Amino acid sequence: MKAKPEYRNRERTQVAVLDELVDRADDGMSVLELRAAVEAEIDDLEEALSTLKADRLIVVETDGSETLIKPDERVIPDNPTEEDDEQSIGEWLRERFPF
């Protein structure tokens, strides 16, 4: 599942983080899980998380010794469709080539 369209006009790493978090909205993800799921340098991931938190698009919850990151409710689509799981050729190219 992908984040709502209105939140997809952001930097590539931020969109990738939001998409991964929306997929696991109920459970949340640790920074290590996000690092494994998002193809980005650690500095880019850190910057993306910082920006998303400042924009209040993610929520950071600490439960004892575990810290989980979850998407804000407004980022999660109301009616997920199977189309969200399919990637267009344009999206695939955009991810592979920085133009």
PDB file of N, CA and C in Angstrom:
ATOM      1  N   MET A   1       0.853  -1.163   0.000  1.00  0.00           N
ATOM      2  CA  MET A   1       0.000   0.000   0.000  1.00  0.00           C
ATOM      3  C   MET A   1       0.907   1.236   0.000  1.00  0.00           C
ATOM      4  N   LYS A   2       0.424   2.278  -0.625  1.00  0.00           N
ATOM      5  CA  LYS A   2       1.199   3.508  -0.704  1.00  0.00           C
ATOM      6  C   LYS A   2       0.510   4.616   0.069  1.00  0.00           C
ATOM      7  N   ALA A   3       1.298   5.615   0.418  1.00  0.00           N
ATOM      8  CA  ALA A   3       0.754   6.790   1.102  1.00  0.00           C
ATOM      9  C   ALA A   3      -0.215   7.512   0.165  1.00  0.00           C
ATOM     10  N   LYS A   4      -1.084   8.329   0.745  1.00  0.00           N
ATOM     11  CA  LYS A   4      -2.048   9.089  -0.054  1.00  0.00           C
ATOM     12  C   LYS A   4      -1.316   9.929  -1.099  1.00  0.00           C
ATOM     13  N   PRO A   5      -1.963  10.160  -2.235  1.00  0.00           N
ATOM     14  CA  PRO A   5      -1.313  10.921  -3.317  1.00  0.00           C
ATOM     15  C   PRO A   5      -0.834  12.308  -2.901  1.00  0.00           C
ATOM     16  N   GLU A   6      -1.544  12.964  -2.017  1.00  0.00           N
ATOM     17  CA  GLU A   6      -1.142  14.320  -1.622  1.00  0.00           C
ATOM     18  C   GLU A   6       0.173  14.350  -0.836  1.00  0.00           C
ATOM     19  N   TYR A   7       0.648  13.178  -0.388  1.00  0.00           N
ATOM     20  CA  TYR A   7       1.911  13.112   0.351  1.00  0.00           C
ATOM     21  C   TYR A   7       3.028  12.494  -0.482  1.00  0.00           C
ATOM     22  N   ARG A   8       2.786  12.308  -1.772  1.00  0.00           N
ATOM     23  CA  ARG A   8       3.765  11.668  -2.634  1.00  0.00           C
ATOM     24  C   ARG A   8       4.626  12.679  -3.394  1.00  0.00           C
ATOM     25  N   ASN A   9       4.333  13.960  -3.258  1.00  0.00           N
ATOM     26  CA  ASN A   9       5.102  14.997  -3.929  1.00  0.00           C
ATOM     27  C   ASN A   9       6.195  15.492  -2.987  1.00  0.00           C
ATOM     28  N   ARG A  10       7.020  14.568  -2.548  1.00  0.00           N
ATOM     29  CA  ARG A  10       8.097  14.866  -1.611  1.00  0.00           C
ATOM     30  C   ARG A  10       9.376  14.235  -2.146  1.00  0.00           C
ATOM     31  N   GLU A  11      10.455  14.435  -1.434  1.00  0.00           N
ATOM     32  CA  GLU A  11      11.735  13.842  -1.787  1.00  0.00           C
ATOM     33  C   GLU A  11      11.598  12.309  -1.826  1.00  0.00           C
ATOM     34  N   ARG A  12      12.333  11.671  -2.723  1.00  0.00           N
ATOM     35  CA  ARG A  12      12.207  10.233  -2.976  1.00  0.00           C
ATOM     36  C   ARG A  12      12.338   9.378  -1.708  1.00  0.00           C
ATOM     37  N   THR A  13      13.294   9.677  -0.869  1.00  0.00           N
ATOM     38  CA  THR A  13      13.489   8.897   0.348  1.00  0.00           C
ATOM     39  C   THR A  13      12.312   9.073   1.300  1.00  0.00           C
ATOM     40  N   GLN A  14      11.769  10.272   1.385  1.00  0.00           N
ATOM     41  CA  GLN A  14      10.615  10.512   2.245  1.00  0.00           C
ATOM     42  C   GLN A  14       9.412   9.700   1.778  1.00  0.00           C
ATOM     43  N   VAL A  15       9.187   9.661   0.471  1.00  0.00           N
ATOM     44  CA  VAL A  15       8.070   8.880  -0.075  1.00  0.00           C
ATOM     45  C   VAL A  15       8.283   7.396   0.190  1.00  0.00           C
ATOM     46  N   ALA A  16       9.503   6.914   0.026  1.00  0.00           N
ATOM     47  CA  ALA A  16       9.801   5.503   0.280  1.00  0.00           C
ATOM     48  C   ALA A  16       9.547   5.154   1.750  1.00  0.00           C
ATOM     49  N   VAL A  17       9.937   6.037   2.659  1.00  0.00           N
ATOM     50  CA  VAL A  17       9.709   5.819   4.087  1.00  0.00           C
ATOM     51  C   VAL A  17       8.216   5.782   4.381  1.00  0.00           C
ATOM     52  N   LEU A  18       7.470   6.756   3.851  1.00  0.00           N
ATOM     53  CA  LEU A  18       6.024   6.785   4.079  1.00  0.00           C
ATOM     54  C   LEU A  18       5.353   5.531   3.538  1.00  0.00           C
ATOM     55  N   ASP A  19       5.750   5.085   2.345  1.00  0.00           N
ATOM     56  CA  ASP A  19       5.156   3.880   1.767  1.00  0.00           C
ATOM     57  C   ASP A  19       5.413   2.654   2.634  1.00  0.00           C
ATOM     58  N   GLU A  20       6.631   2.503   3.105  1.00  0.00           N
ATOM     59  CA  GLU A  20       6.959   1.355   3.964  1.00  0.00           C
ATOM     60  C   GLU A  20       6.172   1.416   5.274  1.00  0.00           C
ATOM     61  N   LEU A  21       6.069   2.604   5.850  1.00  0.00           N
ATOM     62  CA  LEU A  21       5.345   2.751   7.113  1.00  0.00           C
ATOM     63  C   LEU A  21       3.847   2.503   6.933  1.00  0.00           C
ATOM     64  N   VAL A  22       3.285   2.938   5.812  1.00  0.00           N
ATOM     65  CA  VAL A  22       1.863   2.698   5.552  1.00  0.00           C
ATOM     66  C   VAL A  22       1.604   1.204   5.427  1.00  0.00           C
ATOM     67  N   ASP A  23       2.548   0.474   4.816  1.00  0.00           N
ATOM     68  CA  ASP A  23       2.405  -0.982   4.707  1.00  0.00           C
ATOM     69  C   ASP A  23       2.353  -1.657   6.075  1.00  0.00           C
ATOM     70  N   ARG A  24       3.028  -1.083   7.033  1.00  0.00           N
ATOM     71  CA  ARG A  24       3.072  -1.674   8.384  1.00  0.00           C
ATOM     72  C   ARG A  24       2.528  -0.700   9.416  1.00  0.00           C
ATOM     73  N   ALA A  25       1.433  -0.050   9.073  1.00  0.00           N
ATOM     74  CA  ALA A  25       0.868   1.006   9.917  1.00  0.00           C
ATOM     75  C   ALA A  25       0.492   0.522  11.309  1.00  0.00           C
ATOM     76  N   ASP A  26      -0.031  -0.676  11.429  1.00  0.00           N
ATOM     77  CA  ASP A  26      -0.453  -1.179  12.739  1.00  0.00           C
ATOM     78  C   ASP A  26       0.721  -1.533  13.635  1.00  0.00           C
ATOM     79  N   ASP A  27       1.747  -2.135  13.050  1.00  0.00           N
ATOM     80  CA  ASP A  27       2.891  -2.594  13.837  1.00  0.00           C
ATOM     81  C   ASP A  27       3.960  -1.529  14.032  1.00  0.00           C
ATOM     82  N   GLY A  28       4.119  -0.673  13.031  1.00  0.00           N
ATOM     83  CA  GLY A  28       5.211   0.286  13.073  1.00  0.00           C
ATOM     84  C   GLY A  28       6.515  -0.382  12.667  1.00  0.00           C
ATOM     85  N   MET A  29       7.544   0.397  12.557  1.00  0.00           N
ATOM     86  CA  MET A  29       8.853  -0.127  12.164  1.00  0.00           C
ATOM     87  C   MET A  29       9.941   0.551  12.990  1.00  0.00           C
ATOM     88  N   SER A  30      10.991  -0.203  13.262  1.00  0.00           N
ATOM     89  CA  SER A  30      12.153   0.387  13.920  1.00  0.00           C
ATOM     90  C   SER A  30      13.015   1.049  12.854  1.00  0.00           C
ATOM     91  N   VAL A  31      13.984   1.826  13.282  1.00  0.00           N
ATOM     92  CA  VAL A  31      14.889   2.478  12.341  1.00  0.00           C
ATOM     93  C   VAL A  31      15.663   1.418  11.553  1.00  0.00           C
ATOM     94  N   LEU A  32      16.046   0.342  12.206  1.00  0.00           N
ATOM     95  CA  LEU A  32      16.779  -0.720  11.515  1.00  0.00           C
ATOM     96  C   LEU A  32      15.913  -1.390  10.451  1.00  0.00           C
ATOM     97  N   GLU A  33      14.641  -1.608  10.752  1.00  0.00           N
ATOM     98  CA  GLU A  33      13.735  -2.191   9.761  1.00  0.00           C
ATOM     99  C   GLU A  33      13.549  -1.248   8.577  1.00  0.00           C
ATOM    100  N   LEU A  34      13.422   0.038   8.868  1.00  0.00           N
ATOM    101  CA  LEU A  34      13.301   1.024   7.787  1.00  0.00           C
ATOM    102  C   LEU A  34      14.571   1.062   6.949  1.00  0.00           C
ATOM    103  N   ARG A  35      15.700   0.994   7.607  1.00  0.00           N
ATOM    104  CA  ARG A  35      16.993   1.014   6.903  1.00  0.00           C
ATOM    105  C   ARG A  35      17.086  -0.160   5.940  1.00  0.00           C
ATOM    106  N   ALA A  36      16.588  -1.322   6.353  1.00  0.00           N
ATOM    107  CA  ALA A  36      16.628  -2.500   5.495  1.00  0.00           C
ATOM    108  C   ALA A  36      15.613  -2.406   4.351  1.00  0.00           C
ATOM    109  N   ALA A  37      14.494  -1.753   4.582  1.00  0.00           N
ATOM    110  CA  ALA A  37      13.417  -1.698   3.593  1.00  0.00           C
ATOM    111  C   ALA A  37      13.581  -0.579   2.569  1.00  0.00           C
ATOM    112  N   VAL A  38      14.195   0.522   2.971  1.00  0.00           N
ATOM    113  CA  VAL A  38      14.327   1.687   2.095  1.00  0.00           C
ATOM    114  C   VAL A  38      15.741   1.725   1.537  1.00  0.00           C
ATOM    115  N   GLU A  39      15.845   1.799   0.223  1.00  0.00           N
ATOM    116  CA  GLU A  39      17.152   1.855  -0.416  1.00  0.00           C
ATOM    117  C   GLU A  39      17.660   3.289  -0.400  1.00  0.00           C
ATOM    118  N   ALA A  40      18.353   3.644   0.678  1.00  0.00           N
ATOM    119  CA  ALA A  40      18.888   4.998   0.822  1.00  0.00           C
ATOM    120  C   ALA A  40      20.077   4.964   1.772  1.00  0.00           C
ATOM    121  N   GLU A  41      20.925   5.943   1.617  1.00  0.00           N
ATOM    122  CA  GLU A  41      22.048   6.091   2.538  1.00  0.00           C
ATOM    123  C   GLU A  41      21.503   6.453   3.919  1.00  0.00           C
ATOM    124  N   ILE A  42      22.232   6.115   4.952  1.00  0.00           N
ATOM    125  CA  ILE A  42      21.774   6.352   6.319  1.00  0.00           C
ATOM    126  C   ILE A  42      21.547   7.844   6.575  1.00  0.00           C
ATOM    127  N   ASP A  43      22.411   8.700   6.009  1.00  0.00           N
ATOM    128  CA  ASP A  43      22.237  10.148   6.185  1.00  0.00           C
ATOM    129  C   ASP A  43      20.950  10.635   5.527  1.00  0.00           C
ATOM    130  N   ASP A  44      20.641  10.100   4.346  1.00  0.00           N
ATOM    131  CA  ASP A  44      19.402  10.473   3.653  1.00  0.00           C
ATOM    132  C   ASP A  44      18.184   9.988   4.432  1.00  0.00           C
ATOM    133  N   LEU A  45      18.282   8.791   4.995  1.00  0.00           N
ATOM    134  CA  LEU A  45      17.190   8.249   5.791  1.00  0.00           C
ATOM    135  C   LEU A  45      16.973   9.084   7.046  1.00  0.00           C
ATOM    136  N   GLU A  46      18.060   9.457   7.698  1.00  0.00           N
ATOM    137  CA  GLU A  46      17.967  10.294   8.897  1.00  0.00           C
ATOM    138  C   GLU A  46      17.331  11.648   8.582  1.00  0.00           C
ATOM    139  N   GLU A  47      17.743  12.245   7.472  1.00  0.00           N
ATOM    140  CA  GLU A  47      17.182  13.533   7.059  1.00  0.00           C
ATOM    141  C   GLU A  47      15.692  13.395   6.723  1.00  0.00           C
ATOM    142  N   ALA A  48      15.330  12.312   6.040  1.00  0.00           N
ATOM    143  CA  ALA A  48      13.926  12.080   5.683  1.00  0.00           C
ATOM    144  C   ALA A  48      13.072  11.912   6.940  1.00  0.00           C
ATOM    145  N   LEU A  49      13.555  11.126   7.892  1.00  0.00           N
ATOM    146  CA  LEU A  49      12.808  10.925   9.137  1.00  0.00           C
ATOM    147  C   LEU A  49      12.654  12.234   9.905  1.00  0.00           C
ATOM    148  N   SER A  50      13.704  13.013   9.938  1.00  0.00           N
ATOM    149  CA  SER A  50      13.659  14.298  10.633  1.00  0.00           C
ATOM    150  C   SER A  50      12.628  15.234   9.998  1.00  0.00           C
ATOM    151  N   THR A  51      12.634  15.300   8.678  1.00  0.00           N
ATOM    152  CA  THR A  51      11.684  16.156   7.965  1.00  0.00           C
ATOM    153  C   THR A  51      10.254  15.675   8.146  1.00  0.00           C
ATOM    154  N   LEU A  52      10.036  14.367   8.034  1.00  0.00           N
ATOM    155  CA  LEU A  52       8.691  13.809   8.198  1.00  0.00           C
ATOM    156  C   LEU A  52       8.169  14.038   9.615  1.00  0.00           C
ATOM    157  N   LYS A  53       9.056  13.937  10.597  1.00  0.00           N
ATOM    158  CA  LYS A  53       8.634  14.181  11.981  1.00  0.00           C
ATOM    159  C   LYS A  53       8.303  15.655  12.180  1.00  0.00           C
ATOM    160  N   ALA A  54       9.109  16.532  11.620  1.00  0.00           N
ATOM    161  CA  ALA A  54       8.851  17.978  11.739  1.00  0.00           C
ATOM    162  C   ALA A  54       7.533  18.357  11.056  1.00  0.00           C
ATOM    163  N   ASP A  55       7.215  17.675   9.963  1.00  0.00           N
ATOM    164  CA  ASP A  55       5.967  17.929   9.241  1.00  0.00           C
ATOM    165  C   ASP A  55       4.778  17.155   9.839  1.00  0.00           C
ATOM    166  N   ARG A  56       5.043  16.429  10.913  1.00  0.00           N
ATOM    167  CA  ARG A  56       4.031  15.642  11.632  1.00  0.00           C
ATOM    168  C   ARG A  56       3.345  14.602  10.754  1.00  0.00           C
ATOM    169  N   LEU A  57       4.149  13.960   9.888  1.00  0.00           N
ATOM    170  CA  LEU A  57       3.631  12.897   9.042  1.00  0.00           C
ATOM    171  C   LEU A  57       3.961  11.520   9.593  1.00  0.00           C
ATOM    172  N   ILE A  58       4.840  11.487  10.605  1.00  0.00           N
ATOM    173  CA  ILE A  58       5.142  10.236  11.293  1.00  0.00           C
ATOM    174  C   ILE A  58       5.033  10.462  12.795  1.00  0.00           C
ATOM    175  N   VAL A  59       4.814   9.346  13.494  1.00  0.00           N
ATOM    176  CA  VAL A  59       4.706   9.367  14.948  1.00  0.00           C
ATOM    177  C   VAL A  59       5.761   8.410  15.490  1.00  0.00           C
ATOM    178  N   VAL A  60       6.516   8.857  16.473  1.00  0.00           N
ATOM    179  CA  VAL A  60       7.541   8.021  17.092  1.00  0.00           C
ATOM    180  C   VAL A  60       7.043   7.615  18.470  1.00  0.00           C
ATOM    181  N   GLU A  61       6.934   6.299  18.678  1.00  0.00           N
ATOM    182  CA  GLU A  61       6.455   5.767  19.953  1.00  0.00           C
ATOM    183  C   GLU A  61       7.556   4.944  20.613  1.00  0.00           C
ATOM    184  N   THR A  62       7.767   5.179  21.889  1.00  0.00           N
ATOM    185  CA  THR A  62       8.743   4.407  22.644  1.00  0.00           C
ATOM    186  C   THR A  62       8.004   3.532  23.633  1.00  0.00           C
ATOM    187  N   ASP A  63       8.254   2.235  23.545  1.00  0.00           N
ATOM    188  CA  ASP A  63       7.607   1.265  24.417  1.00  0.00           C
ATOM    189  C   ASP A  63       8.711   0.510  25.158  1.00  0.00           C
ATOM    190  N   GLY A  64       9.083   1.005  26.310  1.00  0.00           N
ATOM    191  CA  GLY A  64      10.178   0.377  27.046  1.00  0.00           C
ATOM    192  C   GLY A  64      11.494   0.625  26.346  1.00  0.00           C
ATOM    193  N   SER A  65      12.103  -0.436  25.824  1.00  0.00           N
ATOM    194  CA  SER A  65      13.391  -0.296  25.161  1.00  0.00           C
ATOM    195  C   SER A  65      13.266  -0.250  23.641  1.00  0.00           C
ATOM    196  N   GLU A  66      12.046  -0.360  23.136  1.00  0.00           N
ATOM    197  CA  GLU A  66      11.847  -0.380  21.687  1.00  0.00           C
ATOM    198  C   GLU A  66      11.211   0.928  21.204  1.00  0.00           C
ATOM    199  N   THR A  67      11.771   1.477  20.147  1.00  0.00           N
ATOM    200  CA  THR A  67      11.225   2.682  19.534  1.00  0.00           C
ATOM    201  C   THR A  67      10.662   2.314  18.173  1.00  0.00           C
ATOM    202  N   LEU A  68       9.380   2.626  17.967  1.00  0.00           N
ATOM    203  CA  LEU A  68       8.719   2.322  16.706  1.00  0.00           C
ATOM    204  C   LEU A  68       8.262   3.598  16.027  1.00  0.00           C
ATOM    205  N   ILE A  69       8.336   3.589  14.717  1.00  0.00           N
ATOM    206  CA  ILE A  69       7.896   4.719  13.912  1.00  0.00           C
ATOM    207  C   ILE A  69       6.661   4.277  13.157  1.00  0.00           C
ATOM    208  N   LYS A  70       5.618   5.112  13.209  1.00  0.00           N
ATOM    209  CA  LYS A  70       4.358   4.811  12.530  1.00  0.00           C
ATOM    210  C   LYS A  70       3.946   6.018  11.704  1.00  0.00           C
ATOM    211  N   PRO A  71       3.173   5.797  10.649  1.00  0.00           N
ATOM    212  CA  PRO A  71       2.683   6.937   9.872  1.00  0.00           C
ATOM    213  C   PRO A  71       1.539   7.626  10.598  1.00  0.00           C
ATOM    214  N   ASP A  72       1.414   8.920  10.405  1.00  0.00           N
ATOM    215  CA  ASP A  72       0.267   9.635  10.934  1.00  0.00           C
ATOM    216  C   ASP A  72      -0.981   9.131  10.209  1.00  0.00           C
ATOM    217  N   GLU A  73      -2.109   9.143  10.883  1.00  0.00           N
ATOM    218  CA  GLU A  73      -3.357   8.612  10.322  1.00  0.00           C
ATOM    219  C   GLU A  73      -3.735   9.266   8.994  1.00  0.00           C
ATOM    220  N   ARG A  74      -3.424  10.542   8.825  1.00  0.00           N
ATOM    221  CA  ARG A  74      -3.841  11.236   7.601  1.00  0.00           C
ATOM    222  C   ARG A  74      -3.055  10.791   6.371  1.00  0.00           C
ATOM    223  N   VAL A  75      -1.938  10.093   6.568  1.00  0.00           N
ATOM    224  CA  VAL A  75      -1.116   9.619   5.459  1.00  0.00           C
ATOM    225  C   VAL A  75      -1.654   8.304   4.891  1.00  0.00           C
ATOM    226  N   ILE A  76      -2.363   7.546   5.715  1.00  0.00           N
ATOM    227  CA  ILE A  76      -2.860   6.222   5.326  1.00  0.00           C
ATOM    228  C   ILE A  76      -4.102   6.384   4.453  1.00  0.00           C
ATOM    229  N   PRO A  77      -4.126   5.747   3.273  1.00  0.00           N
ATOM    230  CA  PRO A  77      -5.298   5.845   2.395  1.00  0.00           C
ATOM    231  C   PRO A  77      -6.548   5.273   3.066  1.00  0.00           C
ATOM    232  N   ASP A  78      -7.694   5.903   2.794  1.00  0.00           N
ATOM    233  CA  ASP A  78      -8.958   5.436   3.351  1.00  0.00           C
ATOM    234  C   ASP A  78      -9.401   4.128   2.725  1.00  0.00           C
ATOM    235  N   ASN A  79      -9.279   4.033   1.423  1.00  0.00           N
ATOM    236  CA  ASN A  79      -9.712   2.843   0.689  1.00  0.00           C
ATOM    237  C   ASN A  79      -8.543   2.291  -0.105  1.00  0.00           C
ATOM    238  N   PRO A  80      -7.748   1.428   0.499  1.00  0.00           N
ATOM    239  CA  PRO A  80      -6.615   0.870  -0.244  1.00  0.00           C
ATOM    240  C   PRO A  80      -7.103   0.026  -1.409  1.00  0.00           C
ATOM    241  N   THR A  81      -6.408   0.131  -2.518  1.00  0.00           N
ATOM    242  CA  THR A  81      -6.748  -0.664  -3.691  1.00  0.00           C
ATOM    243  C   THR A  81      -5.542  -1.491  -4.087  1.00  0.00           C
ATOM    244  N   GLU A  82      -5.799  -2.490  -4.904  1.00  0.00           N
ATOM    245  CA  GLU A  82      -4.694  -3.320  -5.380  1.00  0.00           C
ATOM    246  C   GLU A  82      -3.813  -2.558  -6.351  1.00  0.00           C
ATOM    247  N   GLU A  83      -4.343  -1.503  -6.960  1.00  0.00           N
ATOM    248  CA  GLU A  83      -3.544  -0.692  -7.874  1.00  0.00           C
ATOM    249  C   GLU A  83      -2.343  -0.097  -7.169  1.00  0.00           C
ATOM    250  N   ASP A  84      -2.466   0.160  -5.867  1.00  0.00           N
ATOM    251  CA  ASP A  84      -1.357   0.740  -5.114  1.00  0.00           C
ATOM    252  C   ASP A  84      -0.133  -0.155  -5.126  1.00  0.00           C
ATOM    253  N   ASP A  85      -0.339  -1.475  -5.200  1.00  0.00           N
ATOM    254  CA  ASP A  85       0.768  -2.410  -5.153  1.00  0.00           C
ATOM    255  C   ASP A  85       1.514  -2.516  -6.475  1.00  0.00           C
ATOM    256  N   GLU A  86       0.860  -2.111  -7.569  1.00  0.00           N
ATOM    257  CA  GLU A  86       1.493  -2.182  -8.865  1.00  0.00           C
ATOM    258  C   GLU A  86       2.258  -0.905  -9.137  1.00  0.00           C
ATOM    259  N   GLN A  87       3.451  -1.061  -9.668  1.00  0.00           N
ATOM    260  CA  GLN A  87       4.299   0.083  -9.958  1.00  0.00           C
ATOM    261  C   GLN A  87       4.298   0.314 -11.457  1.00  0.00           C
ATOM    262  N   SER A  88       4.040   1.539 -11.858  1.00  0.00           N
ATOM    263  CA  SER A  88       4.051   1.842 -13.284  1.00  0.00           C
ATOM    264  C   SER A  88       5.488   1.878 -13.783  1.00  0.00           C
ATOM    265  N   ILE A  89       5.641   1.773 -15.091  1.00  0.00           N
ATOM    266  CA  ILE A  89       6.977   1.827 -15.673  1.00  0.00           C
ATOM    267  C   ILE A  89       7.626   3.182 -15.407  1.00  0.00           C
ATOM    268  N   GLY A  90       6.802   4.242 -15.406  1.00  0.00           N
ATOM    269  CA  GLY A  90       7.328   5.576 -15.104  1.00  0.00           C
ATOM    270  C   GLY A  90       7.861   5.682 -13.692  1.00  0.00           C
ATOM    271  N   GLU A  91       7.138   5.100 -12.728  1.00  0.00           N
ATOM    272  CA  GLU A  91       7.602   5.112 -11.336  1.00  0.00           C
ATOM    273  C   GLU A  91       8.875   4.302 -11.198  1.00  0.00           C
ATOM    274  N   TRP A  92       8.926   3.150 -11.875  1.00  0.00           N
ATOM    275  CA  TRP A  92      10.107   2.298 -11.813  1.00  0.00           C
ATOM    276  C   TRP A  92      11.323   3.051 -12.346  1.00  0.00           C
ATOM    277  N   LEU A  93      11.156   3.726 -13.496  1.00  0.00           N
ATOM    278  CA  LEU A  93      12.263   4.498 -14.075  1.00  0.00           C
ATOM    279  C   LEU A  93      12.679   5.645 -13.174  1.00  0.00           C
ATOM    280  N   ARG A  94      11.687   6.341 -12.583  1.00  0.00           N
ATOM    281  CA  ARG A  94      11.970   7.467 -11.700  1.00  0.00           C
ATOM    282  C   ARG A  94      12.803   7.018 -10.494  1.00  0.00           C
ATOM    283  N   GLU A  95      12.521   5.830  -9.988  1.00  0.00           N
ATOM    284  CA  GLU A  95      13.286   5.323  -8.840  1.00  0.00           C
ATOM    285  C   GLU A  95      14.714   4.956  -9.235  1.00  0.00           C
ATOM    286  N   ARG A  96      14.889   4.480 -10.449  1.00  0.00           N
ATOM    287  CA  ARG A  96      16.198   3.989 -10.873  1.00  0.00           C
ATOM    288  C   ARG A  96      17.118   5.095 -11.391  1.00  0.00           C
ATOM    289  N   PHE A  97      16.513   6.112 -12.035  1.00  0.00           N
ATOM    290  CA  PHE A  97      17.308   7.168 -12.646  1.00  0.00           C
ATOM    291  C   PHE A  97      16.912   8.519 -12.070  1.00  0.00           C
ATOM    292  N   PRO A  98      17.875   9.254 -11.521  1.00  0.00           N
ATOM    293  CA  PRO A  98      17.550  10.545 -10.887  1.00  0.00           C
ATOM    294  C   PRO A  98      17.397  11.690 -11.897  1.00  0.00           C
ATOM    295  N   PHE A  99      16.292  11.675 -12.627  1.00  0.00           N
ATOM    296  CA  PHE A  99      16.041  12.787 -13.564  1.00  0.00           C
ATOM    297  C   PHE A  99      14.684  13.356 -13.376  1.00  0.00           C
TER     298      PHE A  99
END
